[in-house]
Amino acid sequence: MSPEERDFVAAVAESQNMTVSAFAREWILLACKQLVEEEGAGNFAAIAAREEAERTKRRQERLAEKSLAKMAKSIDV
Protein backbone atom coordinates (compact mmCIF):
# COMPACT_ATOMS: atom_id res chain seq x y z
CA MET A 1 0.00 0.00 0.00
CA SER A 2 1.38 3.37 -0.93
CA PRO A 3 1.82 6.16 1.65
CA GLU A 4 -1.02 8.05 -0.04
CA GLU A 5 -3.33 5.05 0.28
CA ARG A 6 -2.39 4.61 3.95
CA ASP A 7 -3.11 8.29 4.59
CA PHE A 8 -6.45 7.99 2.83
CA VAL A 9 -7.47 4.93 4.85
CA ALA A 10 -6.37 6.63 8.07
CA ALA A 11 -8.40 9.75 7.19
CA VAL A 12 -11.52 7.73 6.38
CA ALA A 13 -11.15 5.68 9.56
CA GLU A 14 -10.73 8.84 11.61
CA SER A 15 -13.82 10.39 10.00
CA GLN A 16 -15.76 7.31 11.17
CA ASN A 17 -14.28 7.57 14.68
CA MET A 18 -12.54 4.22 14.21
CA THR A 19 -8.98 3.00 14.44
CA VAL A 20 -7.39 1.94 11.18
CA SER A 21 -7.38 -1.71 12.28
CA ALA A 22 -11.07 -1.57 13.25
CA PHE A 23 -11.90 0.09 9.92
CA ALA A 24 -9.91 -2.55 8.00
CA ARG A 25 -11.60 -5.36 9.96
CA GLU A 26 -15.03 -3.93 9.08
CA TRP A 27 -14.19 -3.76 5.38
CA ILE A 28 -12.78 -7.28 5.37
CA LEU A 29 -15.95 -8.60 7.02
CA LEU A 30 -18.12 -6.74 4.52
CA ALA A 31 -16.10 -8.09 1.60
CA CYS A 32 -16.38 -11.65 2.94
CA LYS A 33 -20.12 -11.30 3.44
CA GLN A 34 -20.49 -10.00 -0.10
CA LEU A 35 -18.49 -12.93 -1.49
CA VAL A 36 -20.65 -15.41 0.40
CA GLU A 37 -23.80 -13.73 -0.91
CA GLU A 38 -22.48 -13.75 -4.48
CA GLU A 39 -20.92 -17.21 -4.50
CA GLY A 40 -23.07 -19.01 -1.97
CA ALA A 41 -21.96 -20.43 1.35
CA GLY A 42 -21.82 -23.97 -0.04
CA ASN A 43 -19.02 -23.05 -2.42
CA PHE A 44 -16.96 -21.64 0.42
CA ALA A 45 -17.52 -24.74 2.54
CA ALA A 46 -16.38 -26.91 -0.38
CA ILE A 47 -13.30 -24.74 -0.93
CA ALA A 48 -12.41 -24.88 2.78
CA ALA A 49 -12.82 -28.66 2.84
CA ARG A 50 -10.64 -29.07 -0.26
CA GLU A 51 -7.93 -26.81 1.17
CA GLU A 52 -7.94 -28.74 4.47
CA ALA A 53 -7.65 -32.02 2.57
CA GLU A 54 -4.68 -30.63 0.62
CA ARG A 55 -2.99 -29.47 3.85
CA THR A 56 -3.55 -32.90 5.41
CA LYS A 57 -2.13 -34.62 2.34
CA ARG A 58 0.99 -32.41 2.37
CA ARG A 59 1.44 -33.02 6.11
CA GLN A 60 1.19 -36.80 5.60
CA GLU A 61 3.67 -36.63 2.71
CA ARG A 62 6.17 -34.73 4.86
CA LEU A 63 5.79 -37.27 7.67
CA ALA A 64 6.28 -40.14 5.21
CA GLU A 65 9.42 -38.51 3.82
CA LYS A 66 10.83 -38.09 7.33
CA SER A 67 10.04 -41.74 8.16
CA LEU A 68 11.72 -42.93 4.96
CA ALA A 69 14.76 -40.77 5.68
CA LYS A 70 15.02 -42.26 9.19
CA MET A 71 14.71 -45.80 7.83
CA ALA A 72 17.34 -45.12 5.17
CA LYS A 73 19.66 -43.68 7.79
CA SER A 74 19.22 -46.73 10.04
CA ILE A 75 19.96 -49.10 7.15
CA ASP A 76 23.21 -47.26 6.31
CA VAL A 77 24.59 -47.97 9.79
PDB file of N, CA and C in Angstrom:
ATOM      1  N   MET A   1       0.860  -1.163   0.000  1.00  0.00           N
ATOM      2  CA  MET A   1       0.000   0.000   0.000  1.00  0.00           C
ATOM      3  C   MET A   1       0.911   1.231   0.000  1.00  0.00           C
ATOM      4  N   SER A   2       0.566   2.170  -0.832  1.00  0.00           N
ATOM      5  CA  SER A   2       1.383   3.374  -0.930  1.00  0.00           C
ATOM      6  C   SER A   2       1.124   4.278   0.281  1.00  0.00           C
ATOM      7  N   PRO A   3       2.038   5.224   0.546  1.00  0.00           N
ATOM      8  CA  PRO A   3       1.816   6.162   1.651  1.00  0.00           C
ATOM      9  C   PRO A   3       0.528   6.971   1.474  1.00  0.00           C
ATOM     10  N   GLU A   4       0.213   7.293   0.223  1.00  0.00           N
ATOM     11  CA  GLU A   4      -1.021   8.048  -0.036  1.00  0.00           C
ATOM     12  C   GLU A   4      -2.252   7.228   0.307  1.00  0.00           C
ATOM     13  N   GLU A   5      -2.208   5.935  -0.036  1.00  0.00           N
ATOM     14  CA  GLU A   5      -3.326   5.049   0.282  1.00  0.00           C
ATOM     15  C   GLU A   5      -3.469   4.876   1.789  1.00  0.00           C
ATOM     16  N   ARG A   6      -2.342   4.727   2.486  1.00  0.00           N
ATOM     17  CA  ARG A   6      -2.390   4.611   3.951  1.00  0.00           C
ATOM     18  C   ARG A   6      -2.988   5.862   4.571  1.00  0.00           C
ATOM     19  N   ASP A   7      -2.570   7.033   4.074  1.00  0.00           N
ATOM     20  CA  ASP A   7      -3.109   8.294   4.594  1.00  0.00           C
ATOM     21  C   ASP A   7      -4.611   8.393   4.347  1.00  0.00           C
ATOM     22  N   PHE A   8      -5.034   7.957   3.164  1.00  0.00           N
ATOM     23  CA  PHE A   8      -6.454   7.994   2.831  1.00  0.00           C
ATOM     24  C   PHE A   8      -7.256   7.096   3.763  1.00  0.00           C
ATOM     25  N   VAL A   9      -6.778   5.871   3.959  1.00  0.00           N
ATOM     26  CA  VAL A   9      -7.467   4.925   4.851  1.00  0.00           C
ATOM     27  C   VAL A   9      -7.512   5.492   6.265  1.00  0.00           C
ATOM     28  N   ALA A  10      -6.410   6.055   6.717  1.00  0.00           N
ATOM     29  CA  ALA A  10      -6.372   6.632   8.067  1.00  0.00           C
ATOM     30  C   ALA A  10      -7.368   7.771   8.188  1.00  0.00           C
ATOM     31  N   ALA A  11      -7.470   8.613   7.152  1.00  0.00           N
ATOM     32  CA  ALA A  11      -8.399   9.748   7.190  1.00  0.00           C
ATOM     33  C   ALA A  11      -9.848   9.269   7.214  1.00  0.00           C
ATOM     34  N   VAL A  12     -10.156   8.266   6.398  1.00  0.00           N
ATOM     35  CA  VAL A  12     -11.522   7.734   6.378  1.00  0.00           C
ATOM     36  C   VAL A  12     -11.852   7.087   7.719  1.00  0.00           C
ATOM     37  N   ALA A  13     -10.927   6.323   8.262  1.00  0.00           N
ATOM     38  CA  ALA A  13     -11.152   5.678   9.559  1.00  0.00           C
ATOM     39  C   ALA A  13     -11.392   6.729  10.633  1.00  0.00           C
ATOM     40  N   GLU A  14     -10.576   7.775  10.620  1.00  0.00           N
ATOM     41  CA  GLU A  14     -10.730   8.844  11.611  1.00  0.00           C
ATOM     42  C   GLU A  14     -12.078   9.538  11.460  1.00  0.00           C
ATOM     43  N   SER A  15     -12.525   9.734  10.224  1.00  0.00           N
ATOM     44  CA  SER A  15     -13.818  10.388   9.999  1.00  0.00           C
ATOM     45  C   SER A  15     -14.970   9.542  10.525  1.00  0.00           C
ATOM     46  N   GLN A  16     -14.742   8.225  10.644  1.00  0.00           N
ATOM     47  CA  GLN A  16     -15.759   7.315  11.170  1.00  0.00           C
ATOM     48  C   GLN A  16     -15.559   7.036  12.661  1.00  0.00           C
ATOM     49  N   ASN A  17     -14.625   7.775  13.274  1.00  0.00           N
ATOM     50  CA  ASN A  17     -14.276   7.573  14.681  1.00  0.00           C
ATOM     51  C   ASN A  17     -13.850   6.134  14.960  1.00  0.00           C
ATOM     52  N   MET A  18     -13.024   5.587  14.067  1.00  0.00           N
ATOM     53  CA  MET A  18     -12.541   4.220  14.205  1.00  0.00           C
ATOM     54  C   MET A  18     -11.019   4.222  14.098  1.00  0.00           C
ATOM     55  N   THR A  19     -10.410   3.184  14.675  1.00  0.00           N
ATOM     56  CA  THR A  19      -8.975   2.998  14.443  1.00  0.00           C
ATOM     57  C   THR A  19      -8.819   2.403  13.045  1.00  0.00           C
ATOM     58  N   VAL A  20      -7.629   2.506  12.506  1.00  0.00           N
ATOM     59  CA  VAL A  20      -7.388   1.940  11.175  1.00  0.00           C
ATOM     60  C   VAL A  20      -7.634   0.435  11.188  1.00  0.00           C
ATOM     61  N   SER A  21      -7.188  -0.253  12.235  1.00  0.00           N
ATOM     62  CA  SER A  21      -7.382  -1.706  12.275  1.00  0.00           C
ATOM     63  C   SER A  21      -8.866  -2.062  12.373  1.00  0.00           C
ATOM     64  N   ALA A  22      -9.634  -1.312  13.144  1.00  0.00           N
ATOM     65  CA  ALA A  22     -11.073  -1.573  13.246  1.00  0.00           C
ATOM     66  C   ALA A  22     -11.759  -1.312  11.899  1.00  0.00           C
ATOM     67  N   PHE A  23     -11.345  -0.244  11.241  1.00  0.00           N
ATOM     68  CA  PHE A  23     -11.895   0.089   9.925  1.00  0.00           C
ATOM     69  C   PHE A  23     -11.577  -1.016   8.917  1.00  0.00           C
ATOM     70  N   ALA A  24     -10.322  -1.480   8.920  1.00  0.00           N
ATOM     71  CA  ALA A  24      -9.913  -2.545   8.005  1.00  0.00           C
ATOM     72  C   ALA A  24     -10.691  -3.824   8.286  1.00  0.00           C
ATOM     73  N   ARG A  25     -10.855  -4.152   9.567  1.00  0.00           N
ATOM     74  CA  ARG A  25     -11.598  -5.355   9.957  1.00  0.00           C
ATOM     75  C   ARG A  25     -13.034  -5.286   9.430  1.00  0.00           C
ATOM     76  N   GLU A  26     -13.668  -4.114   9.563  1.00  0.00           N
ATOM     77  CA  GLU A  26     -15.034  -3.935   9.077  1.00  0.00           C
ATOM     78  C   GLU A  26     -15.116  -4.168   7.569  1.00  0.00           C
ATOM     79  N   TRP A  27     -14.178  -3.604   6.833  1.00  0.00           N
ATOM     80  CA  TRP A  27     -14.189  -3.757   5.377  1.00  0.00           C
ATOM     81  C   TRP A  27     -13.920  -5.198   4.970  1.00  0.00           C
ATOM     82  N   ILE A  28     -13.051  -5.873   5.671  1.00  0.00           N
ATOM     83  CA  ILE A  28     -12.783  -7.279   5.365  1.00  0.00           C
ATOM     84  C   ILE A  28     -14.037  -8.113   5.608  1.00  0.00           C
ATOM     85  N   LEU A  29     -14.708  -7.867   6.729  1.00  0.00           N
ATOM     86  CA  LEU A  29     -15.946  -8.601   7.018  1.00  0.00           C
ATOM     87  C   LEU A  29     -17.010  -8.332   5.961  1.00  0.00           C
ATOM     88  N   LEU A  30     -17.144  -7.074   5.558  1.00  0.00           N
ATOM     89  CA  LEU A  30     -18.124  -6.738   4.523  1.00  0.00           C
ATOM     90  C   LEU A  30     -17.783  -7.425   3.201  1.00  0.00           C
ATOM     91  N   ALA A  31     -16.514  -7.440   2.851  1.00  0.00           N
ATOM     92  CA  ALA A  31     -16.098  -8.092   1.604  1.00  0.00           C
ATOM     93  C   ALA A  31     -16.385  -9.589   1.656  1.00  0.00           C
ATOM     94  N   CYS A  32     -16.108 -10.214   2.789  1.00  0.00           N
ATOM     95  CA  CYS A  32     -16.377 -11.648   2.941  1.00  0.00           C
ATOM     96  C   CYS A  32     -17.872 -11.933   2.847  1.00  0.00           C
ATOM     97  N   LYS A  33     -18.672 -11.115   3.504  1.00  0.00           N
ATOM     98  CA  LYS A  33     -20.121 -11.304   3.442  1.00  0.00           C
ATOM     99  C   LYS A  33     -20.626 -11.169   2.010  1.00  0.00           C
ATOM    100  N   GLN A  34     -20.088 -10.195   1.283  1.00  0.00           N
ATOM    101  CA  GLN A  34     -20.492  -9.996  -0.100  1.00  0.00           C
ATOM    102  C   GLN A  34     -20.114 -11.206  -0.954  1.00  0.00           C
ATOM    103  N   LEU A  35     -18.913 -11.738  -0.745  1.00  0.00           N
ATOM    104  CA  LEU A  35     -18.493 -12.926  -1.490  1.00  0.00           C
ATOM    105  C   LEU A  35     -19.411 -14.107  -1.217  1.00  0.00           C
ATOM    106  N   VAL A  36     -19.760 -14.300   0.044  1.00  0.00           N
ATOM    107  CA  VAL A  36     -20.648 -15.412   0.400  1.00  0.00           C
ATOM    108  C   VAL A  36     -22.005 -15.228  -0.269  1.00  0.00           C
ATOM    109  N   GLU A  37     -22.516 -13.992  -0.266  1.00  0.00           N
ATOM    110  CA  GLU A  37     -23.801 -13.735  -0.907  1.00  0.00           C
ATOM    111  C   GLU A  37     -23.731 -13.987  -2.409  1.00  0.00           C
ATOM    112  N   GLU A  38     -22.617 -13.584  -3.040  1.00  0.00           N
ATOM    113  CA  GLU A  38     -22.478 -13.746  -4.478  1.00  0.00           C
ATOM    114  C   GLU A  38     -22.211 -15.191  -4.878  1.00  0.00           C
ATOM    115  N   GLU A  39     -21.364 -15.866  -4.127  1.00  0.00           N
ATOM    116  CA  GLU A  39     -20.924 -17.210  -4.499  1.00  0.00           C
ATOM    117  C   GLU A  39     -21.724 -18.314  -3.825  1.00  0.00           C
ATOM    118  N   GLY A  40     -22.340 -18.003  -2.720  1.00  0.00           N
ATOM    119  CA  GLY A  40     -23.069 -19.013  -1.974  1.00  0.00           C
ATOM    120  C   GLY A  40     -22.182 -19.659  -0.931  1.00  0.00           C
ATOM    121  N   ALA A  41     -22.720 -19.876   0.238  1.00  0.00           N
ATOM    122  CA  ALA A  41     -21.958 -20.427   1.351  1.00  0.00           C
ATOM    123  C   ALA A  41     -21.469 -21.834   1.053  1.00  0.00           C
ATOM    124  N   GLY A  42     -22.215 -22.600   0.281  1.00  0.00           N
ATOM    125  CA  GLY A  42     -21.822 -23.967  -0.037  1.00  0.00           C
ATOM    126  C   GLY A  42     -20.496 -24.031  -0.771  1.00  0.00           C
ATOM    127  N   ASN A  43     -20.281 -23.078  -1.683  1.00  0.00           N
ATOM    128  CA  ASN A  43     -19.022 -23.052  -2.421  1.00  0.00           C
ATOM    129  C   ASN A  43     -17.850 -22.816  -1.474  1.00  0.00           C
ATOM    130  N   PHE A  44     -18.029 -21.932  -0.509  1.00  0.00           N
ATOM    131  CA  PHE A  44     -16.956 -21.645   0.422  1.00  0.00           C
ATOM    132  C   PHE A  44     -16.674 -22.831   1.330  1.00  0.00           C
ATOM    133  N   ALA A  45     -17.713 -23.544   1.722  1.00  0.00           N
ATOM    134  CA  ALA A  45     -17.515 -24.742   2.539  1.00  0.00           C
ATOM    135  C   ALA A  45     -16.749 -25.798   1.741  1.00  0.00           C
ATOM    136  N   ALA A  46     -17.077 -25.940   0.466  1.00  0.00           N
ATOM    137  CA  ALA A  46     -16.380 -26.911  -0.379  1.00  0.00           C
ATOM    138  C   ALA A  46     -14.920 -26.512  -0.566  1.00  0.00           C
ATOM    139  N   ILE A  47     -14.676 -25.232  -0.769  1.00  0.00           N
ATOM    140  CA  ILE A  47     -13.303 -24.743  -0.928  1.00  0.00           C
ATOM    141  C   ILE A  47     -12.510 -24.987   0.351  1.00  0.00           C
ATOM    142  N   ALA A  48     -13.100 -24.682   1.498  1.00  0.00           N
ATOM    143  CA  ALA A  48     -12.412 -24.878   2.777  1.00  0.00           C
ATOM    144  C   ALA A  48     -12.102 -26.353   3.008  1.00  0.00           C
ATOM    145  N   ALA A  49     -13.033 -27.219   2.669  1.00  0.00           N
ATOM    146  CA  ALA A  49     -12.817 -28.660   2.845  1.00  0.00           C
ATOM    147  C   ALA A  49     -11.695 -29.148   1.921  1.00  0.00           C
ATOM    148  N   ARG A  50     -11.682 -28.670   0.691  1.00  0.00           N
ATOM    149  CA  ARG A  50     -10.644 -29.070  -0.261  1.00  0.00           C
ATOM    150  C   ARG A  50      -9.269 -28.595   0.206  1.00  0.00           C
ATOM    151  N   GLU A  51      -9.200 -27.345   0.689  1.00  0.00           N
ATOM    152  CA  GLU A  51      -7.926 -26.814   1.173  1.00  0.00           C
ATOM    153  C   GLU A  51      -7.431 -27.588   2.396  1.00  0.00           C
ATOM    154  N   GLU A  52      -8.335 -27.952   3.294  1.00  0.00           N
ATOM    155  CA  GLU A  52      -7.945 -28.737   4.469  1.00  0.00           C
ATOM    156  C   GLU A  52      -7.448 -30.114   4.045  1.00  0.00           C
ATOM    157  N   ALA A  53      -8.093 -30.712   3.073  1.00  0.00           N
ATOM    158  CA  ALA A  53      -7.653 -32.017   2.572  1.00  0.00           C
ATOM    159  C   ALA A  53      -6.254 -31.906   1.953  1.00  0.00           C
ATOM    160  N   GLU A  54      -6.009 -30.827   1.224  1.00  0.00           N
ATOM    161  CA  GLU A  54      -4.685 -30.629   0.623  1.00  0.00           C
ATOM    162  C   GLU A  54      -3.618 -30.434   1.698  1.00  0.00           C
ATOM    163  N   ARG A  55      -3.939 -29.665   2.751  1.00  0.00           N
ATOM    164  CA  ARG A  55      -2.991 -29.465   3.850  1.00  0.00           C
ATOM    165  C   ARG A  55      -2.688 -30.780   4.543  1.00  0.00           C
ATOM    166  N   THR A  56      -3.725 -31.591   4.766  1.00  0.00           N
ATOM    167  CA  THR A  56      -3.546 -32.895   5.411  1.00  0.00           C
ATOM    168  C   THR A  56      -2.677 -33.800   4.549  1.00  0.00           C
ATOM    169  N   LYS A  57      -2.920 -33.797   3.257  1.00  0.00           N
ATOM    170  CA  LYS A  57      -2.130 -34.625   2.339  1.00  0.00           C
ATOM    171  C   LYS A  57      -0.659 -34.200   2.375  1.00  0.00           C
ATOM    172  N   ARG A  58      -0.404 -32.897   2.323  1.00  0.00           N
ATOM    173  CA  ARG A  58       0.986 -32.411   2.370  1.00  0.00           C
ATOM    174  C   ARG A  58       1.649 -32.780   3.690  1.00  0.00           C
ATOM    175  N   ARG A  59       0.909 -32.666   4.791  1.00  0.00           N
ATOM    176  CA  ARG A  59       1.441 -33.022   6.109  1.00  0.00           C
ATOM    177  C   ARG A  59       1.801 -34.503   6.152  1.00  0.00           C
ATOM    178  N   GLN A  60       0.918 -35.360   5.624  1.00  0.00           N
ATOM    179  CA  GLN A  60       1.186 -36.796   5.597  1.00  0.00           C
ATOM    180  C   GLN A  60       2.389 -37.122   4.713  1.00  0.00           C
ATOM    181  N   GLU A  61       2.509 -36.410   3.591  1.00  0.00           N
ATOM    182  CA  GLU A  61       3.666 -36.635   2.708  1.00  0.00           C
ATOM    183  C   GLU A  61       4.970 -36.259   3.400  1.00  0.00           C
ATOM    184  N   ARG A  62       4.963 -35.137   4.134  1.00  0.00           N
ATOM    185  CA  ARG A  62       6.173 -34.727   4.863  1.00  0.00           C
ATOM    186  C   ARG A  62       6.540 -35.760   5.922  1.00  0.00           C
ATOM    187  N   LEU A  63       5.536 -36.256   6.651  1.00  0.00           N
ATOM    188  CA  LEU A  63       5.793 -37.271   7.673  1.00  0.00           C
ATOM    189  C   LEU A  63       6.344 -38.559   7.043  1.00  0.00           C
ATOM    190  N   ALA A  64       5.793 -38.939   5.896  1.00  0.00           N
ATOM    191  CA  ALA A  64       6.275 -40.145   5.211  1.00  0.00           C
ATOM    192  C   ALA A  64       7.721 -39.960   4.760  1.00  0.00           C
ATOM    193  N   GLU A  65       8.037 -38.782   4.241  1.00  0.00           N
ATOM    194  CA  GLU A  65       9.415 -38.506   3.818  1.00  0.00           C
ATOM    195  C   GLU A  65      10.378 -38.583   4.999  1.00  0.00           C
ATOM    196  N   LYS A  66       9.971 -38.034   6.135  1.00  0.00           N
ATOM    197  CA  LYS A  66      10.827 -38.095   7.326  1.00  0.00           C
ATOM    198  C   LYS A  66      11.027 -39.532   7.778  1.00  0.00           C
ATOM    199  N   SER A  67       9.942 -40.329   7.749  1.00  0.00           N
ATOM    200  CA  SER A  67      10.044 -41.736   8.155  1.00  0.00           C
ATOM    201  C   SER A  67      10.978 -42.498   7.227  1.00  0.00           C
ATOM    202  N   LEU A  68      10.842 -42.256   5.921  1.00  0.00           N
ATOM    203  CA  LEU A  68      11.721 -42.928   4.963  1.00  0.00           C
ATOM    204  C   LEU A  68      13.172 -42.517   5.162  1.00  0.00           C
ATOM    205  N   ALA A  69      13.392 -41.248   5.445  1.00  0.00           N
ATOM    206  CA  ALA A  69      14.756 -40.772   5.680  1.00  0.00           C
ATOM    207  C   ALA A  69      15.349 -41.438   6.917  1.00  0.00           C
ATOM    208  N   LYS A  70      14.548 -41.590   7.980  1.00  0.00           N
ATOM    209  CA  LYS A  70      15.022 -42.263   9.191  1.00  0.00           C
ATOM    210  C   LYS A  70      15.345 -43.724   8.921  1.00  0.00           C
ATOM    211  N   MET A  71      14.462 -44.387   8.151  1.00  0.00           N
ATOM    212  CA  MET A  71      14.711 -45.796   7.828  1.00  0.00           C
ATOM    213  C   MET A  71      15.979 -45.934   6.991  1.00  0.00           C
ATOM    214  N   ALA A  72      16.149 -45.066   6.023  1.00  0.00           N
ATOM    215  CA  ALA A  72      17.340 -45.120   5.170  1.00  0.00           C
ATOM    216  C   ALA A  72      18.598 -44.888   5.994  1.00  0.00           C
ATOM    217  N   LYS A  73      18.509 -43.982   6.932  1.00  0.00           N
ATOM    218  CA  LYS A  73      19.655 -43.681   7.788  1.00  0.00           C
ATOM    219  C   LYS A  73      19.994 -44.885   8.665  1.00  0.00           C
ATOM    220  N   SER A  74      18.970 -45.564   9.181  1.00  0.00           N
ATOM    221  CA  SER A  74      19.223 -46.725  10.045  1.00  0.00           C
ATOM    222  C   SER A  74      19.791 -47.905   9.254  1.00  0.00           C
ATOM    223  N   ILE A  75      19.442 -48.013   7.986  1.00  0.00           N
ATOM    224  CA  ILE A  75      19.961 -49.098   7.146  1.00  0.00           C
ATOM    225  C   ILE A  75      21.430 -48.863   6.822  1.00  0.00           C
ATOM    226  N   ASP A  76      21.832 -47.601   6.654  1.00  0.00           N
ATOM    227  CA  ASP A  76      23.208 -47.257   6.306  1.00  0.00           C
ATOM    228  C   ASP A  76      24.188 -47.496   7.436  1.00  0.00           C
ATOM    229  N   VAL A  77      23.704 -47.803   8.633  1.00  0.00           N
ATOM    230  CA  VAL A  77      24.591 -47.974   9.790  1.00  0.00           C
ATOM    231  C   VAL A  77      25.542 -49.053   9.607  1.00  0.00           C
TER     232      VAL A  77
END
